[in-house]
Amino acid sequence: LELKTTTRFFSLSLHHILLVFCFLLRPMSADAVSPANLPKEDDAAQPVVAEKRKLVSVLYLFRYADAADKLIIAIGTLFAIGQGCALPMFSIVFGDSMTASVGKDGDETFVDTMRPVLISMGLLSVGVFVAGSTWQTCYAWAAERQGARMREEYFRKVMTRDISWFDTHDASALPTRMANEVQIIQEAIGAKTGQVFVSTAQFLVGLGIGFWKGWELA
């Protein structure tokens, strides 16, 4: 029963890892990250051609993170790994509950036999709640701080454009474009990144538990 539960954790963890990695590693243009790639003043005199967007790495998305943001992300990453490690451990506690429910020593009642297991389940649930709430708060906070710097830099670059640049670009669409592009980046560097660490830790620890409890089946 423990092996079946652990195998289920394997499949769920691997599925989550693939989904989140596909989101983070999808092609993203540099102009959605850096306002420095806005059109230059003399672009209006040149014919409009299809521009091939430059792809950037995942780490480039964190270029606006300062020391405080990196510390917040590091704390969130530790709690994300902790949550990922706690979830496969539930399979061990669940297996112990099944063993305790069918085997009693001496005059022990069913409640006495299950009490240690139920306490372990309760503590594990509290730990998962605390770890999950902490890493999501940390990543959301760091992403919002970086997003504020992106919007400020974007606005600063727009305000340095020559007046002729606004004759060929719709100024009313710039706020919407800025909000949409920054929001996409915040989603990538926020909870999506934390979920990568949760799923990775869940998969690795679950795999280790599988080999520990039943290496033949694993």
C-alpha atoms as a PDB file:
ATOM      1  CA  LEU A   1       0.000   0.000   0.000  1.00  0.00           C
ATOM      2  CA  GLU A   2       2.878   2.341   0.788  1.00  0.00           C
ATOM      3  CA  LEU A   3       4.446   1.571  -2.588  1.00  0.00           C
ATOM      4  CA  LYS A   4       1.191   2.257  -4.431  1.00  0.00           C
ATOM      5  CA  THR A   5       0.819   5.600  -2.661  1.00  0.00           C
ATOM      6  CA  THR A   6       4.454   6.488  -3.368  1.00  0.00           C
ATOM      7  CA  THR A   7       4.052   5.568  -7.043  1.00  0.00           C
ATOM      8  CA  ARG A   8       1.107   7.938  -7.241  1.00  0.00           C
ATOM      9  CA  PHE A   9       3.340  10.708  -5.854  1.00  0.00           C
ATOM     10  CA  PHE A  10       5.908   9.911  -8.582  1.00  0.00           C
ATOM     11  CA  SER A  11       3.410  10.393 -11.403  1.00  0.00           C
ATOM     12  CA  LEU A  12       1.880  13.561  -9.949  1.00  0.00           C
ATOM     13  CA  SER A  13       5.279  15.127  -9.256  1.00  0.00           C
ATOM     14  CA  LEU A  14       6.639  14.375 -12.715  1.00  0.00           C
ATOM     15  CA  HIS A  15       3.480  15.758 -14.273  1.00  0.00           C
ATOM     16  CA  HIS A  16       3.790  18.998 -12.305  1.00  0.00           C
ATOM     17  CA  ILE A  17       7.471  19.376 -13.160  1.00  0.00           C
ATOM     18  CA  LEU A  18       6.821  19.009 -16.879  1.00  0.00           C
ATOM     19  CA  LEU A  19       3.956  21.515 -16.828  1.00  0.00           C
ATOM     20  CA  VAL A  20       5.876  24.178 -14.928  1.00  0.00           C
ATOM     21  CA  PHE A  21       9.074  23.733 -16.947  1.00  0.00           C
ATOM     22  CA  CYS A  22       7.089  24.069 -20.180  1.00  0.00           C
ATOM     23  CA  PHE A  23       5.708  27.367 -18.871  1.00  0.00           C
ATOM     24  CA  LEU A  24       9.067  28.743 -17.736  1.00  0.00           C
ATOM     25  CA  LEU A  25      11.053  27.588 -20.750  1.00  0.00           C
ATOM     26  CA  ARG A  26       8.580  28.783 -23.351  1.00  0.00           C
ATOM     27  CA  PRO A  27      10.033  31.370 -25.758  1.00  0.00           C
ATOM     28  CA  MET A  28       9.935  34.854 -24.293  1.00  0.00           C
ATOM     29  CA  SER A  29      11.104  37.949 -26.074  1.00  0.00           C
ATOM     30  CA  ALA A  30      13.662  40.302 -24.625  1.00  0.00           C
ATOM     31  CA  ASP A  31      11.466  43.310 -25.371  1.00  0.00           C
ATOM     32  CA  ALA A  32       9.006  41.964 -22.847  1.00  0.00           C
ATOM     33  CA  VAL A  33      11.754  42.047 -20.235  1.00  0.00           C
ATOM     34  CA  SER A  34      13.874  45.073 -21.011  1.00  0.00           C
ATOM     35  CA  PRO A  35      12.406  48.496 -21.869  1.00  0.00           C
ATOM     36  CA  ALA A  36      15.692  49.332 -23.561  1.00  0.00           C
ATOM     37  CA  ASN A  37      14.434  47.482 -26.620  1.00  0.00           C
ATOM     38  CA  LEU A  38      11.785  50.085 -27.375  1.00  0.00           C
ATOM     39  CA  PRO A  39      11.903  51.490 -30.931  1.00  0.00           C
ATOM     40  CA  LYS A  40      14.402  54.250 -31.527  1.00  0.00           C
ATOM     41  CA  GLU A  41      13.503  57.747 -32.665  1.00  0.00           C
ATOM     42  CA  ASP A  42      14.605  57.193 -36.261  1.00  0.00           C
ATOM     43  CA  ASP A  43      12.550  54.009 -36.676  1.00  0.00           C
ATOM     44  CA  ALA A  44       9.670  55.965 -38.195  1.00  0.00           C
ATOM     45  CA  ALA A  45      11.728  56.775 -41.284  1.00  0.00           C
ATOM     46  CA  GLN A  46      12.456  53.120 -41.971  1.00  0.00           C
ATOM     47  CA  PRO A  47      10.058  50.659 -43.588  1.00  0.00           C
ATOM     48  CA  VAL A  48       8.149  48.396 -41.260  1.00  0.00           C
ATOM     49  CA  VAL A  49       9.482  44.845 -41.448  1.00  0.00           C
ATOM     50  CA  ALA A  50       8.776  41.732 -39.438  1.00  0.00           C
ATOM     51  CA  GLU A  51      11.199  41.793 -36.523  1.00  0.00           C
ATOM     52  CA  LYS A  52      12.546  38.563 -35.135  1.00  0.00           C
ATOM     53  CA  ARG A  53      12.351  38.735 -31.374  1.00  0.00           C
ATOM     54  CA  LYS A  54      15.410  37.841 -29.345  1.00  0.00           C
ATOM     55  CA  LEU A  55      14.916  34.956 -26.936  1.00  0.00           C
ATOM     56  CA  VAL A  56      16.259  35.231 -23.410  1.00  0.00           C
ATOM     57  CA  SER A  57      17.084  32.736 -20.675  1.00  0.00           C
ATOM     58  CA  VAL A  58      15.046  32.132 -17.544  1.00  0.00           C
ATOM     59  CA  LEU A  59      17.681  33.749 -15.322  1.00  0.00           C
ATOM     60  CA  TYR A  60      17.444  36.922 -17.423  1.00  0.00           C
ATOM     61  CA  LEU A  61      13.923  37.386 -16.079  1.00  0.00           C
ATOM     62  CA  PHE A  62      15.414  38.053 -12.633  1.00  0.00           C
ATOM     63  CA  ARG A  63      17.682  40.880 -13.805  1.00  0.00           C
ATOM     64  CA  TYR A  64      15.689  43.443 -11.782  1.00  0.00           C
ATOM     65  CA  ALA A  65      16.069  41.529  -8.500  1.00  0.00           C
ATOM     66  CA  ASP A  66      18.162  43.261  -5.833  1.00  0.00           C
ATOM     67  CA  ALA A  67      19.835  41.740  -2.782  1.00  0.00           C
ATOM     68  CA  ALA A  68      16.623  41.825  -0.729  1.00  0.00           C
ATOM     69  CA  ASP A  69      14.683  40.102  -3.492  1.00  0.00           C
ATOM     70  CA  LYS A  70      17.310  37.379  -3.772  1.00  0.00           C
ATOM     71  CA  LEU A  71      17.146  36.791  -0.021  1.00  0.00           C
ATOM     72  CA  ILE A  72      13.348  36.572  -0.142  1.00  0.00           C
ATOM     73  CA  ILE A  73      13.551  34.140  -3.069  1.00  0.00           C
ATOM     74  CA  ALA A  74      16.124  32.017  -1.229  1.00  0.00           C
ATOM     75  CA  ILE A  75      13.867  31.778   1.833  1.00  0.00           C
ATOM     76  CA  GLY A  76      10.897  30.925  -0.350  1.00  0.00           C
ATOM     77  CA  THR A  77      12.917  28.265  -2.147  1.00  0.00           C
ATOM     78  CA  LEU A  78      13.842  26.552   1.139  1.00  0.00           C
ATOM     79  CA  PHE A  79      10.207  26.397   2.220  1.00  0.00           C
ATOM     80  CA  ALA A  80       9.166  25.219  -1.250  1.00  0.00           C
ATOM     81  CA  ILE A  81      11.641  22.352  -1.033  1.00  0.00           C
ATOM     82  CA  GLY A  82      10.368  21.613   2.467  1.00  0.00           C
ATOM     83  CA  GLN A  83       6.798  21.344   1.224  1.00  0.00           C
ATOM     84  CA  GLY A  84       7.905  19.124  -1.628  1.00  0.00           C
ATOM     85  CA  CYS A  85       9.717  16.812   0.803  1.00  0.00           C
ATOM     86  CA  ALA A  86       6.772  16.651   3.192  1.00  0.00           C
ATOM     87  CA  LEU A  87       4.244  15.455   0.647  1.00  0.00           C
ATOM     88  CA  PRO A  88       5.933  12.082  -0.122  1.00  0.00           C
ATOM     89  CA  MET A  89       6.457  11.552   3.609  1.00  0.00           C
ATOM     90  CA  PHE A  90       2.704  11.313   3.917  1.00  0.00           C
ATOM     91  CA  SER A  91       2.873   7.950   2.147  1.00  0.00           C
ATOM     92  CA  ILE A  92       4.977   6.591   5.017  1.00  0.00           C
ATOM     93  CA  VAL A  93       2.568   7.934   7.644  1.00  0.00           C
ATOM     94  CA  PHE A  94      -0.383   6.584   5.694  1.00  0.00           C
ATOM     95  CA  GLY A  95       1.270   3.162   5.486  1.00  0.00           C
ATOM     96  CA  ASP A  96       1.906   3.236   9.250  1.00  0.00           C
ATOM     97  CA  SER A  97      -1.760   4.001   9.810  1.00  0.00           C
ATOM     98  CA  MET A  98      -2.761   0.966   7.786  1.00  0.00           C
ATOM     99  CA  THR A  99      -0.337  -1.211   9.754  1.00  0.00           C
ATOM    100  CA  ALA A 100      -1.546   0.142  13.086  1.00  0.00           C
ATOM    101  CA  SER A 101      -5.193  -0.364  12.166  1.00  0.00           C
ATOM    102  CA  VAL A 102      -4.755  -4.133  11.717  1.00  0.00           C
ATOM    103  CA  GLY A 103      -2.253  -4.912  14.451  1.00  0.00           C
ATOM    104  CA  LYS A 104      -2.733  -4.223  18.159  1.00  0.00           C
ATOM    105  CA  ASP A 105      -0.425  -5.249  21.001  1.00  0.00           C
ATOM    106  CA  GLY A 106      -1.879  -6.606  24.218  1.00  0.00           C
ATOM    107  CA  ASP A 107      -4.694  -4.583  25.740  1.00  0.00           C
ATOM    108  CA  GLU A 108      -4.179  -1.510  23.523  1.00  0.00           C
ATOM    109  CA  THR A 109      -7.336  -0.109  22.049  1.00  0.00           C
ATOM    110  CA  PHE A 110      -7.723   1.060  18.476  1.00  0.00           C
ATOM    111  CA  VAL A 111      -7.528   4.684  19.629  1.00  0.00           C
ATOM    112  CA  ASP A 112      -4.292   4.069  21.527  1.00  0.00           C
ATOM    113  CA  THR A 113      -2.779   2.380  18.486  1.00  0.00           C
ATOM    114  CA  MET A 114      -3.761   5.134  16.068  1.00  0.00           C
ATOM    115  CA  ARG A 115      -2.942   8.093  18.313  1.00  0.00           C
ATOM    116  CA  PRO A 116       0.785   8.398  17.352  1.00  0.00           C
ATOM    117  CA  VAL A 117      -0.055   8.059  13.676  1.00  0.00           C
ATOM    118  CA  LEU A 118      -2.786  10.698  13.850  1.00  0.00           C
ATOM    119  CA  ILE A 119      -0.451  13.068  15.681  1.00  0.00           C
ATOM    120  CA  SER A 120       2.145  12.575  12.937  1.00  0.00           C
ATOM    121  CA  MET A 121      -0.475  13.300  10.271  1.00  0.00           C
ATOM    122  CA  GLY A 122      -1.545  16.458  12.079  1.00  0.00           C
ATOM    123  CA  LEU A 123       1.996  17.759  12.457  1.00  0.00           C
ATOM    124  CA  LEU A 124       2.771  16.956   8.849  1.00  0.00           C
ATOM    125  CA  SER A 125      -0.344  18.807   7.685  1.00  0.00           C
ATOM    126  CA  VAL A 126       0.578  21.871   9.728  1.00  0.00           C
ATOM    127  CA  GLY A 127       4.096  21.795   8.317  1.00  0.00           C
ATOM    128  CA  VAL A 128       2.817  21.610   4.748  1.00  0.00           C
ATOM    129  CA  PHE A 129       0.436  24.524   5.376  1.00  0.00           C
ATOM    130  CA  VAL A 130       3.155  26.716   6.899  1.00  0.00           C
ATOM    131  CA  ALA A 131       5.707  25.871   4.212  1.00  0.00           C
ATOM    132  CA  GLY A 132       3.244  26.368   1.354  1.00  0.00           C
ATOM    133  CA  SER A 133       1.979  29.692   2.678  1.00  0.00           C
ATOM    134  CA  THR A 134       5.509  30.959   3.299  1.00  0.00           C
ATOM    135  CA  TRP A 135       7.035  30.171  -0.091  1.00  0.00           C
ATOM    136  CA  GLN A 136       4.052  31.480  -2.027  1.00  0.00           C
ATOM    137  CA  THR A 137       4.134  34.720  -0.033  1.00  0.00           C
ATOM    138  CA  CYS A 138       7.889  35.113  -0.566  1.00  0.00           C
ATOM    139  CA  TYR A 139       7.748  34.521  -4.307  1.00  0.00           C
ATOM    140  CA  ALA A 140       4.704  36.757  -4.767  1.00  0.00           C
ATOM    141  CA  TRP A 141       6.356  39.538  -2.756  1.00  0.00           C
ATOM    142  CA  ALA A 142       9.637  39.307  -4.680  1.00  0.00           C
ATOM    143  CA  ALA A 143       7.809  39.195  -8.033  1.00  0.00           C
ATOM    144  CA  GLU A 144       5.763  42.278  -7.159  1.00  0.00           C
ATOM    145  CA  ARG A 145       8.881  44.211  -6.117  1.00  0.00           C
ATOM    146  CA  GLN A 146      10.616  43.342  -9.380  1.00  0.00           C
ATOM    147  CA  GLY A 147       7.482  44.160 -11.355  1.00  0.00           C
ATOM    148  CA  ALA A 148       7.400  47.637  -9.837  1.00  0.00           C
ATOM    149  CA  ARG A 149      10.970  48.254 -11.022  1.00  0.00           C
ATOM    150  CA  MET A 150      10.113  46.969 -14.506  1.00  0.00           C
ATOM    151  CA  ARG A 151       7.156  49.338 -14.798  1.00  0.00           C
ATOM    152  CA  GLU A 152       9.258  52.252 -13.558  1.00  0.00           C
ATOM    153  CA  GLU A 153      12.043  51.507 -16.054  1.00  0.00           C
ATOM    154  CA  TYR A 154       9.521  51.013 -18.843  1.00  0.00           C
ATOM    155  CA  PHE A 155       7.917  54.381 -18.125  1.00  0.00           C
ATOM    156  CA  ARG A 156      11.304  56.093 -17.910  1.00  0.00           C
ATOM    157  CA  LYS A 157      12.320  54.746 -21.319  1.00  0.00           C
ATOM    158  CA  VAL A 158       9.037  55.839 -22.882  1.00  0.00           C
ATOM    159  CA  MET A 159       9.415  59.365 -21.491  1.00  0.00           C
ATOM    160  CA  THR A 160      12.876  59.701 -23.051  1.00  0.00           C
ATOM    161  CA  ARG A 161      11.505  59.101 -26.571  1.00  0.00           C
ATOM    162  CA  ASP A 162      11.481  62.008 -28.993  1.00  0.00           C
ATOM    163  CA  ILE A 163       8.108  63.612 -29.740  1.00  0.00           C
ATOM    164  CA  SER A 164       8.230  62.256 -33.290  1.00  0.00           C
ATOM    165  CA  TRP A 165       8.255  58.718 -31.914  1.00  0.00           C
ATOM    166  CA  PHE A 166       4.741  59.217 -30.541  1.00  0.00           C
ATOM    167  CA  ASP A 167       3.501  60.212 -34.007  1.00  0.00           C
ATOM    168  CA  THR A 168       4.031  56.643 -35.186  1.00  0.00           C
ATOM    169  CA  HIS A 169       3.110  54.797 -31.989  1.00  0.00           C
ATOM    170  CA  ASP A 170      -0.187  54.711 -30.152  1.00  0.00           C
ATOM    171  CA  ALA A 171       0.569  56.244 -26.777  1.00  0.00           C
ATOM    172  CA  SER A 172      -2.779  55.131 -25.351  1.00  0.00           C
ATOM    173  CA  ALA A 173      -1.846  51.470 -25.897  1.00  0.00           C
ATOM    174  CA  LEU A 174       1.469  51.697 -24.022  1.00  0.00           C
ATOM    175  CA  PRO A 175      -0.001  51.358 -20.487  1.00  0.00           C
ATOM    176  CA  THR A 176      -1.940  48.244 -21.489  1.00  0.00           C
ATOM    177  CA  ARG A 177       1.082  46.739 -23.199  1.00  0.00           C
ATOM    178  CA  MET A 178       3.295  47.475 -20.211  1.00  0.00           C
ATOM    179  CA  ALA A 179       0.808  45.994 -17.738  1.00  0.00           C
ATOM    180  CA  ASN A 180       0.299  42.831 -19.781  1.00  0.00           C
ATOM    181  CA  GLU A 181       3.988  42.151 -20.394  1.00  0.00           C
ATOM    182  CA  VAL A 182       5.017  42.822 -16.805  1.00  0.00           C
ATOM    183  CA  GLN A 183       2.188  40.606 -15.562  1.00  0.00           C
ATOM    184  CA  ILE A 184       3.447  37.721 -17.718  1.00  0.00           C
ATOM    185  CA  ILE A 185       6.934  38.087 -16.263  1.00  0.00           C
ATOM    186  CA  GLN A 186       5.625  38.278 -12.703  1.00  0.00           C
ATOM    187  CA  GLU A 187       3.737  35.017 -13.197  1.00  0.00           C
ATOM    188  CA  ALA A 188       6.911  33.350 -14.468  1.00  0.00           C
ATOM    189  CA  ILE A 189       9.185  34.554 -11.652  1.00  0.00           C
ATOM    190  CA  GLY A 190       6.547  34.160  -8.949  1.00  0.00           C
ATOM    191  CA  ALA A 191       4.565  31.084  -7.950  1.00  0.00           C
ATOM    192  CA  LYS A 192       5.482  29.207 -11.146  1.00  0.00           C
ATOM    193  CA  THR A 193       9.160  29.199 -10.192  1.00  0.00           C
ATOM    194  CA  GLY A 194       8.370  28.090  -6.658  1.00  0.00           C
ATOM    195  CA  GLN A 195       6.237  25.253  -7.979  1.00  0.00           C
ATOM    196  CA  VAL A 196       9.262  23.967  -9.894  1.00  0.00           C
ATOM    197  CA  PHE A 197      11.155  23.456  -6.631  1.00  0.00           C
ATOM    198  CA  VAL A 198       8.109  21.912  -4.927  1.00  0.00           C
ATOM    199  CA  SER A 199       7.557  19.393  -7.710  1.00  0.00           C
ATOM    200  CA  THR A 200      11.257  18.609  -8.079  1.00  0.00           C
ATOM    201  CA  ALA A 201      11.717  17.968  -4.360  1.00  0.00           C
ATOM    202  CA  GLN A 202       8.516  15.939  -4.259  1.00  0.00           C
ATOM    203  CA  PHE A 203       9.687  13.761  -7.138  1.00  0.00           C
ATOM    204  CA  LEU A 204      13.227  13.182  -5.826  1.00  0.00           C
ATOM    205  CA  VAL A 205      12.179  12.487  -2.236  1.00  0.00           C
ATOM    206  CA  GLY A 206       9.343  10.257  -3.416  1.00  0.00           C
ATOM    207  CA  LEU A 207      11.763   8.348  -5.594  1.00  0.00           C
ATOM    208  CA  GLY A 208      14.119   7.946  -2.647  1.00  0.00           C
ATOM    209  CA  ILE A 209      11.311   6.681  -0.424  1.00  0.00           C
ATOM    210  CA  GLY A 210      10.339   4.217  -3.123  1.00  0.00           C
ATOM    211  CA  PHE A 211      13.849   2.726  -3.235  1.00  0.00           C
ATOM    212  CA  TRP A 212      14.070   2.791   0.563  1.00  0.00           C
ATOM    213  CA  LYS A 213      10.780   1.013   1.216  1.00  0.00           C
ATOM    214  CA  GLY A 214      10.815  -1.351  -1.722  1.00  0.00           C
ATOM    215  CA  TRP A 215      13.791  -1.168  -4.036  1.00  0.00           C
ATOM    216  CA  GLU A 216      12.656  -4.255  -5.967  1.00  0.00           C
ATOM    217  CA  LEU A 217       9.410  -2.651  -7.121  1.00  0.00           C
ATOM    218  CA  ALA A 218      10.990   0.795  -7.514  1.00  0.00           C
END
